[in-house]
Amino acid sequence: MTSLQAVERTMSELNLLGPDGWPAWTQVLQKAHKTNYGRSDDPIYLHLASKTRLGAVTLQAVQFQDFLQEDGRYLLLQLSMTDQNLLSTIQSNQVGQLAWQMPKSREYFHLTGKFYICSAPRQVTRYSPPVLPHVVSQSNADDQAAQRQVSNQFWESKRLEQWRKLPAKARASYTWPQAGSTPKGPPSSFQCLAMEDMTASTTSNAGNRDSVMSQDSNPISSPSSPSSVSSFRSRWNLTGSNTNNAGGDVSTPTSPVSSTNSKIRNDNPAKILHDIAFDNFCLLVFKPLDIVHFESSPLPPKRTIYTTDAAGQWAVSEANP
């Protein structure tokens, strides 16, 4: 490559960058999002296509959560540890496609890229979120282990931030049994219909959460288990036991373990249920590597393709509509 070609390539790459320094498609996608959804609180669902280990094609709906403010190349989606279908799909194949149809502007995006799972620290999953150099560079971490620790703390802060943004009804859904499983659970499994954020006390008392959630002789089932919440309710007698007394207060359910067992504190059951839901909540992080943007409003329609090479450099081209 001659020096002139190198300069031309550098200028071309600079033209692909938006004013915030991220690839130009990030501005295009975020502008389309703002145009079509604005300040609406309605959930946004995208279609996720992938393949299983056996080669079977899967198509699932995932809920969009937000754009990562610190790096516009990443999209944040919702994922529950109880959604075994989606979780197993991602853990068996990190590469997938998202289809995003914009309802007002008559355009759609086909995004191909990699998925990462940002789960609670106590959960074990594959494909943890990547270390972002510009995030790690702000710390004094000088080795890989320290940088990974800083990265983990960053992503956990993002998970907490997004949890606090969820509507109360959305938080409650993380206490429900596995989506799509049959037969349908009893009504008591869906008794929680709204949940306020209680992470202020969780983060300030994080060292005690494990002792609240476990016991030696008969441990509470793992939050990642589809039956965890129903098991929790039955063992803590939450269903039908919280009745108002004459003073208007809610009675405290009886613990299934002896009062002499110091491993369990008789805390507010709503707080324990909240912690189970928060542990179930994950961020499904998506990094696009190839994007097809189709606009049907102009005549003829416009199709723009964004691609990356092995070095991570972006290129853009127009294709036939």
Protein backbone atom coordinates (compact mmCIF):
# COMPACT_ATOMS: atom_id res chain seq x y z
CA MET A 1 0.00 0.00 0.00
CA THR A 2 1.45 3.38 -1.00
CA SER A 3 1.51 6.34 1.37
CA LEU A 4 -1.22 8.03 -0.70
CA GLN A 5 -3.45 4.95 -0.44
CA ALA A 6 -2.81 4.82 3.29
CA VAL A 7 -3.84 8.46 3.65
CA GLU A 8 -6.97 7.86 1.56
CA ARG A 9 -7.90 4.85 3.67
CA THR A 10 -7.35 6.81 6.88
CA MET A 11 -9.56 9.64 5.62
CA SER A 12 -12.23 7.13 4.58
CA GLU A 13 -12.20 5.59 8.05
CA LEU A 14 -12.45 9.01 9.65
CA ASN A 15 -15.50 9.76 7.50
CA LEU A 16 -17.13 6.63 8.95
CA LEU A 17 -16.84 7.99 12.47
CA GLY A 18 -19.60 10.03 14.06
CA PRO A 19 -19.04 13.14 16.18
CA ASP A 20 -18.72 10.99 19.29
CA GLY A 21 -15.88 8.96 17.76
CA TRP A 22 -17.87 5.76 17.27
CA PRO A 23 -18.72 4.27 13.85
CA ALA A 24 -21.25 6.27 11.85
CA TRP A 25 -23.87 3.51 11.97
CA THR A 26 -24.25 4.07 15.71
CA GLN A 27 -25.56 7.57 15.03
CA VAL A 28 -27.88 6.26 12.30
CA LEU A 29 -29.31 3.54 14.56
CA GLN A 30 -29.73 5.80 17.59
CA LYS A 31 -31.40 8.48 15.47
CA ALA A 32 -33.85 5.90 14.09
CA HIS A 33 -34.55 4.72 17.64
CA LYS A 34 -35.28 8.25 18.80
CA THR A 35 -37.49 8.97 15.77
CA ASN A 36 -39.57 5.83 16.17
CA TYR A 37 -39.85 5.50 19.94
CA GLY A 38 -39.01 8.88 21.44
CA ARG A 39 -39.87 8.84 25.12
CA SER A 40 -42.29 5.95 24.85
CA ASP A 41 -42.21 3.44 27.70
CA ASP A 42 -43.58 0.63 25.54
CA PRO A 43 -41.26 -2.38 25.37
CA ILE A 44 -39.20 -2.77 22.19
CA TYR A 45 -38.81 -6.31 20.87
CA LEU A 46 -36.24 -7.45 18.33
CA HIS A 47 -36.03 -10.80 16.59
CA LEU A 48 -32.94 -12.88 17.34
CA ALA A 49 -31.90 -15.60 14.88
CA SER A 50 -29.18 -18.11 15.67
CA LYS A 51 -28.23 -21.77 15.34
CA THR A 52 -27.97 -24.46 17.99
CA ARG A 53 -25.05 -26.87 18.35
CA LEU A 54 -26.96 -29.32 16.15
CA GLY A 55 -27.42 -26.72 13.41
CA ALA A 56 -31.12 -26.06 14.00
CA VAL A 57 -32.20 -22.48 13.32
CA THR A 58 -33.83 -20.66 16.24
CA LEU A 59 -35.88 -17.46 16.19
CA GLN A 60 -36.68 -15.70 19.44
CA ALA A 61 -37.89 -12.31 20.60
CA VAL A 62 -35.61 -10.28 22.85
CA GLN A 63 -36.37 -6.98 24.54
CA PHE A 64 -34.15 -3.98 23.82
CA GLN A 65 -32.98 -2.16 26.91
CA ASP A 66 -30.55 0.62 25.99
CA PHE A 67 -27.42 1.68 24.14
CA LEU A 68 -24.19 1.51 26.10
CA GLN A 69 -23.37 5.16 26.74
CA GLU A 70 -19.65 4.52 27.23
CA ASP A 71 -19.33 2.71 23.88
CA GLY A 72 -21.92 3.20 21.16
CA ARG A 73 -20.94 -0.05 19.43
CA TYR A 74 -22.77 -2.13 22.05
CA LEU A 75 -26.50 -2.74 22.43
CA LEU A 76 -28.01 -3.84 25.74
CA LEU A 77 -30.85 -6.36 25.75
CA GLN A 78 -32.73 -8.09 28.54
CA LEU A 79 -32.11 -11.71 29.51
CA SER A 80 -33.36 -13.80 32.43
CA MET A 81 -31.46 -16.70 33.94
CA THR A 82 -34.78 -18.54 33.98
CA ASP A 83 -35.12 -18.26 30.19
CA GLN A 84 -33.32 -21.51 29.50
CA ASN A 85 -34.22 -21.52 25.79
CA LEU A 86 -32.57 -18.18 25.06
CA LEU A 87 -29.72 -18.78 27.52
CA SER A 88 -28.80 -22.13 26.00
CA THR A 89 -29.01 -20.65 22.49
CA ILE A 90 -26.51 -17.90 23.33
CA GLN A 91 -24.17 -20.19 25.25
CA SER A 92 -24.08 -22.70 22.41
CA ASN A 93 -23.48 -20.09 19.70
CA GLN A 94 -22.14 -16.64 20.47
CA VAL A 95 -22.79 -15.36 16.94
CA GLY A 96 -26.31 -14.39 15.92
CA GLN A 97 -28.45 -11.88 14.06
CA LEU A 98 -30.90 -9.24 15.19
CA ALA A 99 -33.70 -7.87 13.02
CA TRP A 100 -35.02 -4.46 14.04
CA GLN A 101 -38.06 -3.10 12.20
CA MET A 102 -38.70 0.60 12.79
CA PRO A 103 -42.49 1.10 12.84
CA LYS A 104 -42.71 4.79 11.86
CA SER A 105 -39.80 5.58 9.57
CA ARG A 106 -40.23 2.50 7.35
CA GLU A 107 -36.68 1.26 7.73
CA TYR A 108 -35.11 -1.80 9.23
CA PHE A 109 -31.71 -2.96 10.43
CA HIS A 110 -30.24 -6.44 10.11
CA LEU A 111 -27.36 -6.72 12.56
CA THR A 112 -24.92 -9.64 12.68
CA GLY A 113 -22.55 -9.84 15.60
CA LYS A 114 -21.53 -11.42 18.90
CA PHE A 115 -23.47 -11.80 22.13
CA TYR A 116 -22.08 -11.51 25.64
CA ILE A 117 -23.83 -12.29 28.92
CA CYS A 118 -23.53 -9.85 31.82
CA SER A 119 -24.93 -11.84 34.74
CA ALA A 120 -24.88 -11.47 38.51
CA PRO A 121 -21.42 -12.18 40.02
CA ARG A 122 -22.72 -15.34 41.69
CA GLN A 123 -23.95 -16.78 38.38
CA VAL A 124 -21.68 -18.78 36.08
CA THR A 125 -22.18 -18.21 32.34
CA ARG A 126 -20.17 -18.32 29.15
CA TYR A 127 -19.12 -15.31 27.09
CA SER A 128 -18.70 -12.64 29.76
CA PRO A 129 -18.63 -9.05 28.44
CA PRO A 130 -15.36 -7.89 26.89
CA VAL A 131 -12.81 -5.65 28.53
CA LEU A 132 -13.25 -2.15 27.09
CA PRO A 133 -9.81 -0.52 26.74
CA HIS A 134 -11.05 3.03 27.24
CA VAL A 135 -12.80 1.98 30.46
CA VAL A 136 -9.82 0.06 31.86
CA SER A 137 -7.40 2.85 30.91
CA GLN A 138 -9.09 5.14 33.44
CA SER A 139 -7.93 2.85 36.25
CA ASN A 140 -4.45 1.97 37.44
CA ALA A 141 -4.82 -1.69 36.49
CA ASP A 142 -1.59 -2.86 34.83
CA ASP A 143 -2.09 -6.63 34.47
CA GLN A 144 -4.80 -8.72 32.87
CA ALA A 145 -6.28 -9.96 36.14
CA ALA A 146 -6.64 -6.43 37.49
CA GLN A 147 -8.07 -5.20 34.20
CA ARG A 148 -10.63 -8.02 34.17
CA GLN A 149 -11.62 -7.10 37.72
CA VAL A 150 -12.11 -3.47 36.71
CA SER A 151 -14.11 -4.61 33.69
CA ASN A 152 -16.31 -6.86 35.82
CA GLN A 153 -17.02 -4.00 38.19
CA PHE A 154 -17.92 -1.76 35.26
CA TRP A 155 -20.37 -4.25 33.75
CA GLU A 156 -21.94 -5.01 37.11
CA SER A 157 -22.53 -1.28 37.56
CA LYS A 158 -24.25 -1.26 34.15
CA ARG A 159 -26.43 -4.20 35.18
CA LEU A 160 -27.41 -2.38 38.36
CA GLU A 161 -28.05 0.83 36.45
CA GLN A 162 -30.36 -0.88 33.96
CA TRP A 163 -32.18 -2.79 36.72
CA ARG A 164 -33.04 0.50 38.37
CA LYS A 165 -34.41 1.81 35.06
CA LEU A 166 -36.84 -1.08 34.68
CA PRO A 167 -40.53 -0.44 35.36
CA ALA A 168 -41.88 -2.14 38.48
CA LYS A 169 -43.92 -4.54 36.34
CA ALA A 170 -40.85 -5.57 34.35
CA ARG A 171 -38.86 -6.31 37.52
CA ALA A 172 -41.68 -8.54 38.75
CA SER A 173 -41.40 -10.73 35.65
CA TYR A 174 -37.99 -11.90 36.84
CA THR A 175 -39.71 -13.79 39.66
CA TRP A 176 -41.83 -15.83 37.24
CA PRO A 177 -41.13 -19.39 36.08
CA GLN A 178 -39.34 -20.21 32.84
CA ALA A 179 -40.94 -18.57 29.83
CA GLY A 180 -42.44 -21.03 27.37
CA SER A 181 -42.31 -24.02 29.70
CA THR A 182 -45.31 -26.30 30.04
CA PRO A 183 -47.52 -26.96 31.82
CA LYS A 184 -48.22 -23.42 32.94
CA GLY A 185 -47.40 -22.77 36.57
CA PRO A 186 -50.11 -22.20 39.20
CA PRO A 187 -51.48 -18.68 39.76
CA SER A 188 -49.25 -18.34 42.83
CA SER A 189 -46.21 -18.44 40.52
CA PHE A 190 -47.33 -15.12 39.01
CA GLN A 191 -48.47 -13.50 42.23
CA CYS A 192 -45.75 -10.83 42.03
CA LEU A 193 -46.99 -8.24 39.53
CA ALA A 194 -44.92 -5.22 40.55
CA MET A 195 -41.59 -4.86 42.32
CA GLU A 196 -39.90 -1.72 43.57
CA ASP A 197 -36.14 -1.37 43.38
CA MET A 198 -34.45 -2.38 46.65
CA THR A 199 -30.83 -2.45 45.50
CA ALA A 200 -29.83 0.40 47.81
CA SER A 201 -30.01 -1.96 50.76
CA THR A 202 -28.65 -4.85 48.67
CA THR A 203 -25.48 -3.04 47.66
CA SER A 204 -24.89 -1.63 51.12
CA ASN A 205 -25.33 -5.09 52.65
CA ALA A 206 -23.91 -7.20 49.84
CA GLY A 207 -21.72 -9.19 52.18
CA ASN A 208 -24.74 -10.60 53.99
CA ARG A 209 -26.84 -11.56 50.98
CA ASP A 210 -25.36 -15.03 50.57
CA SER A 211 -26.11 -15.87 54.20
CA VAL A 212 -29.69 -14.75 53.73
CA MET A 213 -30.10 -16.82 50.58
CA SER A 214 -28.68 -20.12 51.88
CA GLN A 215 -28.68 -22.52 54.76
CA ASP A 216 -26.66 -25.64 55.56
CA SER A 217 -29.30 -28.34 55.90
CA ASN A 218 -31.85 -27.37 53.25
CA PRO A 219 -30.63 -24.70 50.81
CA ILE A 220 -33.04 -22.52 48.89
CA SER A 221 -32.99 -23.50 45.23
CA SER A 222 -30.74 -21.53 42.91
CA PRO A 223 -32.24 -18.37 41.35
CA SER A 224 -31.23 -19.76 37.96
CA SER A 225 -33.55 -22.72 38.44
CA PRO A 226 -36.97 -22.35 36.74
CA SER A 227 -38.65 -23.56 39.92
CA SER A 228 -36.72 -21.28 42.27
CA VAL A 229 -39.43 -18.70 42.86
CA SER A 230 -42.28 -21.17 43.31
CA SER A 231 -40.06 -23.22 45.61
CA PHE A 232 -39.22 -20.07 47.55
CA ARG A 233 -42.89 -19.19 47.95
CA SER A 234 -43.94 -22.63 49.10
CA ARG A 235 -41.09 -23.02 51.58
CA TRP A 236 -41.47 -19.52 53.00
CA ASN A 237 -45.25 -19.79 52.99
CA LEU A 238 -45.70 -16.62 50.95
CA THR A 239 -48.85 -17.81 49.19
CA GLY A 240 -51.87 -16.98 51.22
CA SER A 241 -49.93 -16.26 54.43
CA ASN A 242 -49.56 -12.50 54.16
CA THR A 243 -52.92 -11.46 55.55
CA ASN A 244 -53.73 -8.16 57.14
CA ASN A 245 -54.29 -8.19 60.88
CA ALA A 246 -56.45 -5.86 62.89
CA GLY A 247 -53.75 -3.21 62.95
CA GLY A 248 -53.43 -3.22 59.19
CA ASP A 249 -49.90 -4.62 59.23
CA VAL A 250 -48.81 -7.56 57.10
CA SER A 251 -47.92 -10.64 59.09
CA THR A 252 -44.47 -12.15 58.66
CA PRO A 253 -44.43 -15.64 57.09
CA THR A 254 -42.98 -18.45 59.13
CA SER A 255 -39.48 -19.57 58.19
CA PRO A 256 -39.23 -23.24 57.14
CA VAL A 257 -36.16 -23.68 59.31
CA SER A 258 -35.71 -23.68 63.04
CA SER A 259 -35.32 -20.33 64.73
CA THR A 260 -32.09 -21.64 66.23
CA ASN A 261 -30.49 -21.79 62.79
CA SER A 262 -28.39 -18.63 62.67
CA LYS A 263 -27.73 -19.01 58.91
CA ILE A 264 -31.12 -17.51 58.05
CA ARG A 265 -32.31 -14.13 59.24
CA ASN A 266 -36.05 -13.51 59.39
CA ASP A 267 -35.74 -10.62 56.94
CA ASN A 268 -38.50 -9.09 54.87
CA PRO A 269 -39.50 -11.82 52.37
CA ALA A 270 -40.10 -9.12 49.73
CA LYS A 271 -36.41 -8.18 49.99
CA ILE A 272 -35.31 -11.79 49.55
CA LEU A 273 -37.63 -12.20 46.57
CA HIS A 274 -36.21 -8.96 45.14
CA ASP A 275 -32.67 -10.34 45.43
CA ILE A 276 -33.70 -13.52 43.61
CA ALA A 277 -35.19 -11.43 40.80
CA PHE A 278 -32.10 -9.20 40.62
CA ASP A 279 -29.86 -12.27 40.40
CA ASN A 280 -32.04 -13.55 37.56
CA PHE A 281 -31.67 -10.28 35.64
CA CYS A 282 -28.90 -10.24 33.04
CA LEU A 283 -27.78 -7.87 30.33
CA LEU A 284 -27.48 -9.54 26.96
CA VAL A 285 -24.73 -7.42 25.38
CA PHE A 286 -24.59 -7.37 21.59
CA LYS A 287 -21.73 -6.07 19.46
CA PRO A 288 -22.63 -5.72 15.74
CA LEU A 289 -19.97 -6.67 13.20
CA ASP A 290 -22.02 -6.33 10.01
CA ILE A 291 -25.11 -4.20 9.47
CA VAL A 292 -27.62 -3.89 6.65
CA HIS A 293 -29.72 -0.72 6.80
CA PHE A 294 -32.72 -0.65 4.46
CA GLU A 295 -34.83 2.49 3.96
CA SER A 296 -38.10 1.97 2.07
CA SER A 297 -39.37 5.58 2.20
CA PRO A 298 -37.28 7.03 -0.66
CA LEU A 299 -37.84 5.93 -4.25
CA PRO A 300 -35.91 3.95 -5.16
CA PRO A 301 -35.32 2.50 -1.67
CA LYS A 302 -31.86 2.75 -0.17
CA ARG A 303 -29.77 -0.12 1.15
CA THR A 304 -26.54 0.64 3.05
CA ILE A 305 -24.13 -2.03 4.24
CA TYR A 306 -21.61 -1.54 7.06
CA THR A 307 -18.90 -4.19 7.48
CA THR A 308 -15.78 -4.68 9.58
CA ASP A 309 -12.51 -6.33 8.66
CA ALA A 310 -10.24 -8.49 10.81
CA ALA A 311 -8.62 -5.38 12.27
CA GLY A 312 -11.96 -3.96 13.35
CA GLN A 313 -11.99 -1.20 10.75
CA TRP A 314 -15.40 -0.26 9.35
CA ALA A 315 -16.28 0.10 5.67
CA VAL A 316 -19.56 1.30 4.18
CA SER A 317 -21.07 0.73 0.75
CA GLU A 318 -24.39 1.19 -0.98
CA ALA A 319 -26.09 -1.84 -2.52
CA ASN A 320 -29.03 -2.40 -4.79
CA PRO A 321 -32.29 -1.97 -2.88
